PDB file of N, CA and C in Angstrom:
ATOM      1  N   MET A   1      39.232 -24.147  79.528  1.00  0.00           N
ATOM      2  CA  MET A   1      39.307 -25.364  78.901  1.00  0.00           C
ATOM      3  C   MET A   1      38.414 -25.240  77.435  1.00  0.00           C
ATOM      4  N   ALA A   2      37.438 -24.607  77.508  1.00  0.00           N
ATOM      5  CA  ALA A   2      36.615 -24.455  76.262  1.00  0.00           C
ATOM      6  C   ALA A   2      37.280 -23.725  75.155  1.00  0.00           C
ATOM      7  N   SER A   3      38.156 -22.792  75.549  1.00  0.00           N
ATOM      8  CA  SER A   3      38.826 -21.966  74.492  1.00  0.00           C
ATOM      9  C   SER A   3      39.913 -22.774  73.746  1.00  0.00           C
ATOM     10  N   GLU A   4      40.330 -23.837  74.419  1.00  0.00           N
ATOM     11  CA  GLU A   4      41.487 -24.653  73.771  1.00  0.00           C
ATOM     12  C   GLU A   4      40.901 -25.764  72.743  1.00  0.00           C
ATOM     13  N   ILE A   5      39.563 -25.924  72.762  1.00  0.00           N
ATOM     14  CA  ILE A   5      38.884 -26.965  71.795  1.00  0.00           C
ATOM     15  C   ILE A   5      38.783 -26.196  70.520  1.00  0.00           C
ATOM     16  N   GLU A   6      39.224 -26.810  69.473  1.00  0.00           N
ATOM     17  CA  GLU A   6      39.241 -26.280  68.146  1.00  0.00           C
ATOM     18  C   GLU A   6      37.811 -26.449  67.435  1.00  0.00           C
ATOM     19  N   ASN A   7      37.358 -25.448  67.083  1.00  0.00           N
ATOM     20  CA  ASN A   7      36.000 -25.680  66.294  1.00  0.00           C
ATOM     21  C   ASN A   7      36.306 -26.114  64.958  1.00  0.00           C
ATOM     22  N   PRO A   8      35.680 -27.086  64.460  1.00  0.00           N
ATOM     23  CA  PRO A   8      35.879 -27.745  63.220  1.00  0.00           C
ATOM     24  C   PRO A   8      35.550 -26.834  62.038  1.00  0.00           C
ATOM     25  N   GLU A   9      34.530 -25.824  62.137  1.00  0.00           N
ATOM     26  CA  GLU A   9      34.347 -25.046  61.124  1.00  0.00           C
ATOM     27  C   GLU A   9      35.284 -24.039  61.063  1.00  0.00           C
ATOM     28  N   THR A  10      35.881 -23.628  62.131  1.00  0.00           N
ATOM     29  CA  THR A  10      37.193 -22.708  62.051  1.00  0.00           C
ATOM     30  C   THR A  10      38.301 -23.193  61.495  1.00  0.00           C
ATOM     31  N   ALA A  11      38.473 -24.445  61.987  1.00  0.00           N
ATOM     32  CA  ALA A  11      39.758 -25.136  61.348  1.00  0.00           C
ATOM     33  C   ALA A  11      39.625 -25.389  59.877  1.00  0.00           C
ATOM     34  N   GLU A  12      38.586 -25.722  59.355  1.00  0.00           N
ATOM     35  CA  GLU A  12      38.176 -25.844  57.937  1.00  0.00           C
ATOM     36  C   GLU A  12      38.564 -24.501  57.205  1.00  0.00           C
ATOM     37  N   ALA A  13      37.974 -23.399  57.741  1.00  0.00           N
ATOM     38  CA  ALA A  13      38.158 -22.253  57.191  1.00  0.00           C
ATOM     39  C   ALA A  13      39.599 -21.807  57.164  1.00  0.00           C
ATOM     40  N   GLN A  14      40.345 -22.045  58.161  1.00  0.00           N
ATOM     41  CA  GLN A  14      41.823 -21.708  58.147  1.00  0.00           C
ATOM     42  C   GLN A  14      42.537 -22.619  57.059  1.00  0.00           C
ATOM     43  N   ARG A  15      42.239 -23.785  56.932  1.00  0.00           N
ATOM     44  CA  ARG A  15      42.791 -24.724  55.911  1.00  0.00           C
ATOM     45  C   ARG A  15      42.573 -24.134  54.465  1.00  0.00           C
ATOM     46  N   GLN A  16      41.327 -23.653  54.193  1.00  0.00           N
ATOM     47  CA  GLN A  16      40.817 -23.157  53.031  1.00  0.00           C
ATOM     48  C   GLN A  16      41.703 -21.876  52.684  1.00  0.00           C
ATOM     49  N   GLN A  17      41.864 -21.057  53.796  1.00  0.00           N
ATOM     50  CA  GLN A  17      42.705 -19.726  53.545  1.00  0.00           C
ATOM     51  C   GLN A  17      44.217 -19.898  53.218  1.00  0.00           C
ATOM     52  N   SER A  18      44.722 -20.937  53.665  1.00  0.00           N
ATOM     53  CA  SER A  18      46.179 -21.390  53.499  1.00  0.00           C
ATOM     54  C   SER A  18      46.386 -21.968  52.124  1.00  0.00           C
ATOM     55  N   GLN A  19      45.460 -22.444  51.483  1.00  0.00           N
ATOM     56  CA  GLN A  19      45.534 -23.219  50.084  1.00  0.00           C
ATOM     57  C   GLN A  19      45.422 -22.039  49.272  1.00  0.00           C
ATOM     58  N   PRO A  20      46.225 -22.162  48.032  1.00  0.00           N
ATOM     59  CA  PRO A  20      46.145 -21.045  46.903  1.00  0.00           C
ATOM     60  C   PRO A  20      44.717 -21.549  46.141  1.00  0.00           C
ATOM     61  N   VAL A  21      44.259 -20.407  45.881  1.00  0.00           N
ATOM     62  CA  VAL A  21      42.690 -20.503  45.213  1.00  0.00           C
ATOM     63  C   VAL A  21      42.816 -20.296  43.673  1.00  0.00           C
ATOM     64  N   GLN A  22      42.262 -21.184  42.927  1.00  0.00           N
ATOM     65  CA  GLN A  22      42.359 -21.132  41.386  1.00  0.00           C
ATOM     66  C   GLN A  22      41.015 -20.336  41.001  1.00  0.00           C
ATOM     67  N   VAL A  23      41.366 -19.112  40.424  1.00  0.00           N
ATOM     68  CA  VAL A  23      40.371 -18.259  39.951  1.00  0.00           C
ATOM     69  C   VAL A  23      40.189 -18.598  38.558  1.00  0.00           C
ATOM     70  N   GLN A  24      38.888 -18.713  38.032  1.00  0.00           N
ATOM     71  CA  GLN A  24      38.647 -18.918  36.601  1.00  0.00           C
ATOM     72  C   GLN A  24      38.775 -17.520  35.929  1.00  0.00           C
ATOM     73  N   VAL A  25      39.423 -17.500  34.870  1.00  0.00           N
ATOM     74  CA  VAL A  25      39.487 -16.204  34.057  1.00  0.00           C
ATOM     75  C   VAL A  25      39.028 -16.497  32.720  1.00  0.00           C
ATOM     76  N   LYS A  26      38.228 -15.600  32.225  1.00  0.00           N
ATOM     77  CA  LYS A  26      37.838 -15.676  30.807  1.00  0.00           C
ATOM     78  C   LYS A  26      38.512 -14.514  29.970  1.00  0.00           C
ATOM     79  N   ASP A  27      39.471 -14.675  29.210  1.00  0.00           N
ATOM     80  CA  ASP A  27      40.145 -13.712  28.436  1.00  0.00           C
ATOM     81  C   ASP A  27      40.204 -13.843  27.006  1.00  0.00           C
ATOM     82  N   GLU A  28      39.034 -14.442  26.514  1.00  0.00           N
ATOM     83  CA  GLU A  28      38.814 -14.409  25.054  1.00  0.00           C
ATOM     84  C   GLU A  28      38.735 -13.045  24.326  1.00  0.00           C
ATOM     85  N   ASP A  29      38.180 -12.133  25.011  1.00  0.00           N
ATOM     86  CA  ASP A  29      37.860 -10.805  24.581  1.00  0.00           C
ATOM     87  C   ASP A  29      38.898  -9.658  25.020  1.00  0.00           C
ATOM     88  N   ALA A  30      39.942 -10.223  25.628  1.00  0.00           N
ATOM     89  CA  ALA A  30      41.081  -9.333  26.039  1.00  0.00           C
ATOM     90  C   ALA A  30      41.833  -8.624  24.934  1.00  0.00           C
ATOM     91  N   ILE A  31      42.047  -7.441  24.907  1.00  0.00           N
ATOM     92  CA  ILE A  31      42.851  -6.708  23.927  1.00  0.00           C
ATOM     93  C   ILE A  31      44.350  -6.610  24.320  1.00  0.00           C
ATOM     94  N   ALA A  32      45.211  -7.240  23.391  1.00  0.00           N
ATOM     95  CA  ALA A  32      46.665  -7.060  23.683  1.00  0.00           C
ATOM     96  C   ALA A  32      47.257  -5.943  23.112  1.00  0.00           C
ATOM     97  N   CYS A  33      48.039  -5.285  23.752  1.00  0.00           N
ATOM     98  CA  CYS A  33      48.915  -4.021  23.072  1.00  0.00           C
ATOM     99  C   CYS A  33      50.144  -4.109  23.605  1.00  0.00           C
ATOM    100  N   TYR A  34      51.160  -3.578  23.003  1.00  0.00           N
ATOM    101  CA  TYR A  34      52.532  -3.437  23.377  1.00  0.00           C
ATOM    102  C   TYR A  34      52.816  -2.010  24.049  1.00  0.00           C
ATOM    103  N   ALA A  35      53.429  -2.058  24.994  1.00  0.00           N
ATOM    104  CA  ALA A  35      53.777  -0.820  25.678  1.00  0.00           C
ATOM    105  C   ALA A  35      55.257  -0.641  26.095  1.00  0.00           C
ATOM    106  N   ASN A  36      56.093   0.372  25.885  1.00  0.00           N
ATOM    107  CA  ASN A  36      57.412   0.530  26.285  1.00  0.00           C
ATOM    108  C   ASN A  36      57.442   1.749  27.196  1.00  0.00           C
ATOM    109  N   PHE A  37      56.371   2.341  27.527  1.00  0.00           N
ATOM    110  CA  PHE A  37      56.195   3.558  28.282  1.00  0.00           C
ATOM    111  C   PHE A  37      55.243   3.288  29.393  1.00  0.00           C
ATOM    112  N   CYS A  38      55.404   3.700  30.592  1.00  0.00           N
ATOM    113  CA  CYS A  38      54.496   3.549  31.692  1.00  0.00           C
ATOM    114  C   CYS A  38      54.581   4.802  32.523  1.00  0.00           C
ATOM    115  N   ARG A  39      53.492   5.258  32.870  1.00  0.00           N
ATOM    116  CA  ARG A  39      53.440   6.514  33.838  1.00  0.00           C
ATOM    117  C   ARG A  39      52.442   6.080  35.029  1.00  0.00           C
ATOM    118  N   VAL A  40      52.849   6.297  36.085  1.00  0.00           N
ATOM    119  CA  VAL A  40      52.134   6.065  37.421  1.00  0.00           C
ATOM    120  C   VAL A  40      51.706   7.173  38.085  1.00  0.00           C
ATOM    121  N   THR A  41      50.442   7.618  38.183  1.00  0.00           N
ATOM    122  CA  THR A  41      49.829   8.823  39.032  1.00  0.00           C
ATOM    123  C   THR A  41      48.886   8.191  39.978  1.00  0.00           C
ATOM    124  N   GLY A  42      48.220   9.075  40.473  1.00  0.00           N
ATOM    125  CA  GLY A  42      46.950   8.608  41.407  1.00  0.00           C
ATOM    126  C   GLY A  42      46.399   9.648  42.325  1.00  0.00           C
ATOM    127  N   SER A  43      45.681   9.109  43.293  1.00  0.00           N
ATOM    128  CA  SER A  43      44.999  10.112  44.336  1.00  0.00           C
ATOM    129  C   SER A  43      45.079   9.202  45.518  1.00  0.00           C
ATOM    130  N   PRO A  44      44.731   9.785  46.602  1.00  0.00           N
ATOM    131  CA  PRO A  44      44.616   9.025  47.874  1.00  0.00           C
ATOM    132  C   PRO A  44      43.913   7.679  47.859  1.00  0.00           C
ATOM    133  N   GLU A  45      43.065   7.489  47.001  1.00  0.00           N
ATOM    134  CA  GLU A  45      42.085   6.256  46.930  1.00  0.00           C
ATOM    135  C   GLU A  45      42.507   5.326  45.754  1.00  0.00           C
ATOM    136  N   GLU A  46      42.992   5.778  44.631  1.00  0.00           N
ATOM    137  CA  GLU A  46      43.381   5.126  43.446  1.00  0.00           C
ATOM    138  C   GLU A  46      44.587   5.291  42.813  1.00  0.00           C
ATOM    139  N   LEU A  47      45.137   4.234  42.130  1.00  0.00           N
ATOM    140  CA  LEU A  47      46.426   4.387  41.447  1.00  0.00           C
ATOM    141  C   LEU A  47      46.018   4.279  39.941  1.00  0.00           C
ATOM    142  N   ILE A  48      46.679   5.143  39.158  1.00  0.00           N
ATOM    143  CA  ILE A  48      46.363   5.266  37.729  1.00  0.00           C
ATOM    144  C   ILE A  48      47.585   4.903  37.049  1.00  0.00           C
ATOM    145  N   VAL A  49      47.764   4.034  36.176  1.00  0.00           N
ATOM    146  CA  VAL A  49      48.727   3.557  35.464  1.00  0.00           C
ATOM    147  C   VAL A  49      48.470   3.708  34.006  1.00  0.00           C
ATOM    148  N   ASP A  50      49.241   4.481  33.323  1.00  0.00           N
ATOM    149  CA  ASP A  50      48.977   4.830  31.857  1.00  0.00           C
ATOM    150  C   ASP A  50      50.133   4.045  31.054  1.00  0.00           C
ATOM    151  N   PHE A  51      49.789   3.396  30.030  1.00  0.00           N
ATOM    152  CA  PHE A  51      50.592   2.668  29.064  1.00  0.00           C
ATOM    153  C   PHE A  51      50.634   3.257  27.767  1.00  0.00           C
ATOM    154  N   GLY A  52      51.848   3.366  27.016  1.00  0.00           N
ATOM    155  CA  GLY A  52      52.048   3.905  25.687  1.00  0.00           C
ATOM    156  C   GLY A  52      53.061   3.360  25.088  1.00  0.00           C
ATOM    157  N   LEU A  53      53.346   3.936  23.840  1.00  0.00           N
ATOM    158  CA  LEU A  53      54.311   3.600  22.912  1.00  0.00           C
ATOM    159  C   LEU A  53      55.398   4.822  22.703  1.00  0.00           C
ATOM    160  N   ASN A  54      56.577   4.568  23.183  1.00  0.00           N
ATOM    161  CA  ASN A  54      57.552   5.674  23.001  1.00  0.00           C
ATOM    162  C   ASN A  54      58.324   5.453  21.635  1.00  0.00           C
ATOM    163  N   PRO A  55      58.081   6.030  20.571  1.00  0.00           N
ATOM    164  CA  PRO A  55      58.891   5.669  19.329  1.00  0.00           C
ATOM    165  C   PRO A  55      60.271   6.077  19.366  1.00  0.00           C
ATOM    166  N   GLN A  56      60.663   6.878  20.452  1.00  0.00           N
ATOM    167  CA  GLN A  56      62.107   7.189  20.419  1.00  0.00           C
ATOM    168  C   GLN A  56      62.533   6.868  21.987  1.00  0.00           C
ATOM    169  N   PRO A  57      62.830   5.587  22.189  1.00  0.00           N
ATOM    170  CA  PRO A  57      63.124   5.056  23.496  1.00  0.00           C
ATOM    171  C   PRO A  57      64.373   5.492  24.075  1.00  0.00           C
ATOM    172  N   VAL A  58      65.320   6.028  23.317  1.00  0.00           N
ATOM    173  CA  VAL A  58      66.642   6.606  23.795  1.00  0.00           C
ATOM    174  C   VAL A  58      66.522   8.201  23.844  1.00  0.00           C
ATOM    175  N   GLY A  59      66.938   8.744  24.992  1.00  0.00           N
ATOM    176  CA  GLY A  59      66.951  10.215  25.166  1.00  0.00           C
ATOM    177  C   GLY A  59      65.505  10.826  25.406  1.00  0.00           C
ATOM    178  N   VAL A  60      65.278  11.973  25.486  1.00  0.00           N
ATOM    179  CA  VAL A  60      63.920  12.802  25.656  1.00  0.00           C
ATOM    180  C   VAL A  60      63.229  12.589  24.364  1.00  0.00           C
ATOM    181  N   PRO A  61      61.964  12.054  24.380  1.00  0.00           N
ATOM    182  CA  PRO A  61      61.269  12.134  23.159  1.00  0.00           C
ATOM    183  C   PRO A  61      60.789  13.509  22.673  1.00  0.00           C
ATOM    184  N   LYS A  62      60.872  13.747  21.323  1.00  0.00           N
ATOM    185  CA  LYS A  62      60.517  15.191  20.820  1.00  0.00           C
ATOM    186  C   LYS A  62      59.017  15.192  20.660  1.00  0.00           C
ATOM    187  N   ASP A  63      58.309  14.162  20.450  1.00  0.00           N
ATOM    188  CA  ASP A  63      56.941  14.186  20.166  1.00  0.00           C
ATOM    189  C   ASP A  63      56.284  13.691  21.358  1.00  0.00           C
ATOM    190  N   PRO A  64      55.122  14.096  21.640  1.00  0.00           N
ATOM    191  CA  PRO A  64      54.317  13.503  23.028  1.00  0.00           C
ATOM    192  C   PRO A  64      54.004  11.960  22.760  1.00  0.00           C
ATOM    193  N   ILE A  65      54.202  11.254  23.897  1.00  0.00           N
ATOM    194  CA  ILE A  65      53.687   9.952  23.828  1.00  0.00           C
ATOM    195  C   ILE A  65      52.500   9.564  23.897  1.00  0.00           C
ATOM    196  N   VAL A  66      51.822   8.993  23.014  1.00  0.00           N
ATOM    197  CA  VAL A  66      50.350   8.665  23.155  1.00  0.00           C
ATOM    198  C   VAL A  66      50.066   7.549  24.051  1.00  0.00           C
ATOM    199  N   VAL A  67      49.201   7.783  25.039  1.00  0.00           N
ATOM    200  CA  VAL A  67      48.758   6.892  25.999  1.00  0.00           C
ATOM    201  C   VAL A  67      47.581   6.061  25.383  1.00  0.00           C
ATOM    202  N   LYS A  68      47.873   4.753  25.199  1.00  0.00           N
ATOM    203  CA  LYS A  68      46.663   3.867  24.662  1.00  0.00           C
ATOM    204  C   LYS A  68      45.856   3.098  25.630  1.00  0.00           C
ATOM    205  N   GLN A  69      46.421   2.872  26.675  1.00  0.00           N
ATOM    206  CA  GLN A  69      45.744   2.114  27.825  1.00  0.00           C
ATOM    207  C   GLN A  69      45.833   2.772  29.220  1.00  0.00           C
ATOM    208  N   ARG A  70      44.789   2.831  29.884  1.00  0.00           N
ATOM    209  CA  ARG A  70      44.829   3.419  31.337  1.00  0.00           C
ATOM    210  C   ARG A  70      44.147   2.521  32.233  1.00  0.00           C
ATOM    211  N   ILE A  71      44.882   1.966  33.259  1.00  0.00           N
ATOM    212  CA  ILE A  71      44.361   1.144  34.320  1.00  0.00           C
ATOM    213  C   ILE A  71      44.243   1.939  35.561  1.00  0.00           C
ATOM    214  N   ILE A  72      42.957   1.884  36.089  1.00  0.00           N
ATOM    215  CA  ILE A  72      42.648   2.555  37.459  1.00  0.00           C
ATOM    216  C   ILE A  72      42.491   1.511  38.539  1.00  0.00           C
ATOM    217  N   MET A  73      43.184   1.425  39.463  1.00  0.00           N
ATOM    218  CA  MET A  73      42.834   0.378  40.489  1.00  0.00           C
ATOM    219  C   MET A  73      43.076   0.920  41.815  1.00  0.00           C
ATOM    220  N   ASN A  74      42.404   0.250  42.817  1.00  0.00           N
ATOM    221  CA  ASN A  74      42.602   0.679  44.194  1.00  0.00           C
ATOM    222  C   ASN A  74      43.959   0.309  44.769  1.00  0.00           C
ATOM    223  N   PHE A  75      44.419   0.760  45.988  1.00  0.00           N
ATOM    224  CA  PHE A  75      45.725   0.398  46.417  1.00  0.00           C
ATOM    225  C   PHE A  75      45.990  -1.004  46.750  1.00  0.00           C
ATOM    226  N   TYR A  76      44.711  -1.637  47.146  1.00  0.00           N
ATOM    227  CA  TYR A  76      44.857  -3.062  47.621  1.00  0.00           C
ATOM    228  C   TYR A  76      45.284  -3.949  46.343  1.00  0.00           C
ATOM    229  N   THR A  77      44.601  -3.731  45.184  1.00  0.00           N
ATOM    230  CA  THR A  77      44.845  -4.482  44.044  1.00  0.00           C
ATOM    231  C   THR A  77      46.113  -4.093  43.484  1.00  0.00           C
ATOM    232  N   SER A  78      46.669  -2.785  43.501  1.00  0.00           N
ATOM    233  CA  SER A  78      48.006  -2.434  43.210  1.00  0.00           C
ATOM    234  C   SER A  78      49.077  -3.126  43.999  1.00  0.00           C
ATOM    235  N   LYS A  79      48.936  -3.239  45.331  1.00  0.00           N
ATOM    236  CA  LYS A  79      49.950  -4.139  46.080  1.00  0.00           C
ATOM    237  C   LYS A  79      49.924  -5.483  45.752  1.00  0.00           C
ATOM    238  N   ARG A  80      48.781  -6.066  45.385  1.00  0.00           N
ATOM    239  CA  ARG A  80      48.833  -7.548  44.832  1.00  0.00           C
ATOM    240  C   ARG A  80      49.558  -7.482  43.611  1.00  0.00           C
ATOM    241  N   LEU A  81      49.397  -6.411  42.515  1.00  0.00           N
ATOM    242  CA  LEU A  81      49.884  -6.562  41.354  1.00  0.00           C
ATOM    243  C   LEU A  81      51.530  -6.248  41.523  1.00  0.00           C
ATOM    244  N   LEU A  82      51.871  -5.528  42.398  1.00  0.00           N
ATOM    245  CA  LEU A  82      53.402  -5.336  42.679  1.00  0.00           C
ATOM    246  C   LEU A  82      53.962  -6.536  43.295  1.00  0.00           C
ATOM    247  N   ALA A  83      53.312  -7.336  44.134  1.00  0.00           N
ATOM    248  CA  ALA A  83      53.918  -8.568  44.586  1.00  0.00           C
ATOM    249  C   ALA A  83      54.004  -9.605  43.380  1.00  0.00           C
ATOM    250  N   ALA A  84      53.006  -9.679  42.424  1.00  0.00           N
ATOM    251  CA  ALA A  84      52.938 -10.687  41.421  1.00  0.00           C
ATOM    252  C   ALA A  84      54.168 -10.312  40.408  1.00  0.00           C
ATOM    253  N   LEU A  85      54.284  -8.930  40.245  1.00  0.00           N
ATOM    254  CA  LEU A  85      55.278  -8.545  39.179  1.00  0.00           C
ATOM    255  C   LEU A  85      56.642  -8.808  39.863  1.00  0.00           C
ATOM    256  N   GLN A  86      56.967  -8.652  41.183  1.00  0.00           N
ATOM    257  CA  GLN A  86      58.168  -8.836  41.929  1.00  0.00           C
ATOM    258  C   GLN A  86      58.568 -10.330  41.630  1.00  0.00           C
ATOM    259  N   MET A  87      57.475 -11.116  41.916  1.00  0.00           N
ATOM    260  CA  MET A  87      57.751 -12.589  41.949  1.00  0.00           C
ATOM    261  C   MET A  87      58.170 -12.983  40.410  1.00  0.00           C
ATOM    262  N   SER A  88      57.498 -12.421  39.538  1.00  0.00           N
ATOM    263  CA  SER A  88      57.763 -12.778  38.052  1.00  0.00           C
ATOM    264  C   SER A  88      59.062 -12.426  37.601  1.00  0.00           C
ATOM    265  N   ILE A  89      59.438 -11.045  38.080  1.00  0.00           N
ATOM    266  CA  ILE A  89      60.742 -10.706  37.584  1.00  0.00           C
ATOM    267  C   ILE A  89      61.846 -11.433  38.364  1.00  0.00           C
ATOM    268  N   GLN A  90      61.767 -11.793  39.680  1.00  0.00           N
ATOM    269  CA  GLN A  90      62.715 -12.524  40.247  1.00  0.00           C
ATOM    270  C   GLN A  90      62.926 -13.894  39.635  1.00  0.00           C
ATOM    271  N   ARG A  91      61.827 -14.557  39.082  1.00  0.00           N
ATOM    272  CA  ARG A  91      62.038 -15.815  38.514  1.00  0.00           C
ATOM    273  C   ARG A  91      62.725 -15.648  37.185  1.00  0.00           C
ATOM    274  N   HIS A  92      62.430 -14.540  36.308  1.00  0.00           N
ATOM    275  CA  HIS A  92      63.113 -14.330  35.124  1.00  0.00           C
ATOM    276  C   HIS A  92      64.579 -14.033  35.332  1.00  0.00           C
ATOM    277  N   GLU A  93      64.774 -13.447  36.380  1.00  0.00           N
ATOM    278  CA  GLU A  93      66.328 -12.824  36.539  1.00  0.00           C
ATOM    279  C   GLU A  93      67.177 -14.072  37.105  1.00  0.00           C
ATOM    280  N   ALA A  94      66.336 -15.090  37.834  1.00  0.00           N
ATOM    281  CA  ALA A  94      67.153 -16.150  38.220  1.00  0.00           C
ATOM    282  C   ALA A  94      67.436 -17.035  37.144  1.00  0.00           C
ATOM    283  N   VAL A  95      66.839 -17.125  36.027  1.00  0.00           N
ATOM    284  CA  VAL A  95      66.973 -17.895  34.804  1.00  0.00           C
ATOM    285  C   VAL A  95      67.937 -17.168  33.780  1.00  0.00           C
ATOM    286  N   PHE A  96      67.682 -16.042  33.597  1.00  0.00           N
ATOM    287  CA  PHE A  96      68.283 -15.120  32.503  1.00  0.00           C
ATOM    288  C   PHE A  96      69.209 -13.999  33.068  1.00  0.00           C
ATOM    289  N   GLY A  97      69.387 -13.835  34.216  1.00  0.00           N
ATOM    290  CA  GLY A  97      70.193 -12.821  34.711  1.00  0.00           C
ATOM    291  C   GLY A  97      69.543 -11.649  35.094  1.00  0.00           C
ATOM    292  N   VAL A  98      70.271 -10.569  35.723  1.00  0.00           N
ATOM    293  CA  VAL A  98      69.695  -9.261  36.068  1.00  0.00           C
ATOM    294  C   VAL A  98      69.259  -8.383  34.754  1.00  0.00           C
ATOM    295  N   LEU A  99      68.206  -7.825  35.217  1.00  0.00           N
ATOM    296  CA  LEU A  99      67.726  -6.880  34.043  1.00  0.00           C
ATOM    297  C   LEU A  99      67.983  -5.524  34.398  1.00  0.00           C
ATOM    298  N   GLU A 100      68.901  -4.997  33.548  1.00  0.00           N
ATOM    299  CA  GLU A 100      69.342  -3.663  33.704  1.00  0.00           C
ATOM    300  C   GLU A 100      68.323  -2.652  33.143  1.00  0.00           C
ATOM    301  N   THR A 101      67.752  -1.750  33.979  1.00  0.00           N
ATOM    302  CA  THR A 101      66.879  -0.827  33.451  1.00  0.00           C
ATOM    303  C   THR A 101      67.528   0.513  33.042  1.00  0.00           C
ATOM    304  N   ASP A 102      68.711   0.981  33.408  1.00  0.00           N
ATOM    305  CA  ASP A 102      69.427   2.049  32.804  1.00  0.00           C
ATOM    306  C   ASP A 102      69.973   1.738  31.401  1.00  0.00           C
ATOM    307  N   ILE A 103      69.136   2.372  30.371  1.00  0.00           N
ATOM    308  CA  ILE A 103      69.499   1.985  29.064  1.00  0.00           C
ATOM    309  C   ILE A 103      71.031   2.531  28.638  1.00  0.00           C
ATOM    310  N   GLN A 104      71.485   3.417  29.348  1.00  0.00           N
ATOM    311  CA  GLN A 104      72.836   3.870  29.078  1.00  0.00           C
ATOM    312  C   GLN A 104      73.918   2.737  29.473  1.00  0.00           C
ATOM    313  N   LYS A 105      73.446   1.933  30.435  1.00  0.00           N
ATOM    314  CA  LYS A 105      74.491   0.960  30.769  1.00  0.00           C
ATOM    315  C   LYS A 105      74.303  -0.309  30.008  1.00  0.00           C
ATOM    316  N   ARG A 106      73.119  -0.479  29.123  1.00  0.00           N
ATOM    317  CA  ARG A 106      72.993  -1.560  28.274  1.00  0.00           C
ATOM    318  C   ARG A 106      73.560  -1.255  26.921  1.00  0.00           C
ATOM    319  N   LEU A 107      73.621  -0.013  26.570  1.00  0.00           N
ATOM    320  CA  LEU A 107      74.216   0.339  25.212  1.00  0.00           C
ATOM    321  C   LEU A 107      75.780  -0.194  25.120  1.00  0.00           C
ATOM    322  N   ARG A 108      75.869  -0.675  23.954  1.00  0.00           N
ATOM    323  CA  ARG A 108      77.338  -1.257  23.756  1.00  0.00           C
ATOM    324  C   ARG A 108      78.029   0.024  23.218  1.00  0.00           C
ATOM    325  N   VAL A 109      79.358   0.125  23.424  1.00  0.00           N
ATOM    326  CA  VAL A 109      80.124   1.096  22.788  1.00  0.00           C
ATOM    327  C   VAL A 109      80.739   0.610  21.519  1.00  0.00           C
ATOM    328  N   GLN A 110      80.528   1.269  20.392  1.00  0.00           N
ATOM    329  CA  GLN A 110      80.929   0.916  19.165  1.00  0.00           C
ATOM    330  C   GLN A 110      82.353   1.346  18.812  1.00  0.00           C
ATOM    331  N   GLN A 111      83.187   0.546  18.426  1.00  0.00           N
ATOM    332  CA  GLN A 111      84.708   0.951  18.136  1.00  0.00           C
ATOM    333  C   GLN A 111      84.931   0.749  16.814  1.00  0.00           C
TER     334      GLN A 111
END
């Protein structure tokens, strides 16, 4: 019987876990840059994501792509980022249509 009685502290903790948490973010000093290239590498402990600008987005670039930003994160943070990106892309596609990532399929044939 004692195991069936709910502990008020446990119930409160469960309610807090189920509610979304608002995290305060201070981004005044954040540096914004544009990237049309991304490379993902890593190790068993970390994921490394490099961002850069590819000046020749069609075909194989002749010059090396300069990596401007590198983000290193653990796999837990990476999985949360994946979920957030998936949710954002799904919302975007629901409003604007499917995003085609194959550039050859997006190119219009000129006649």
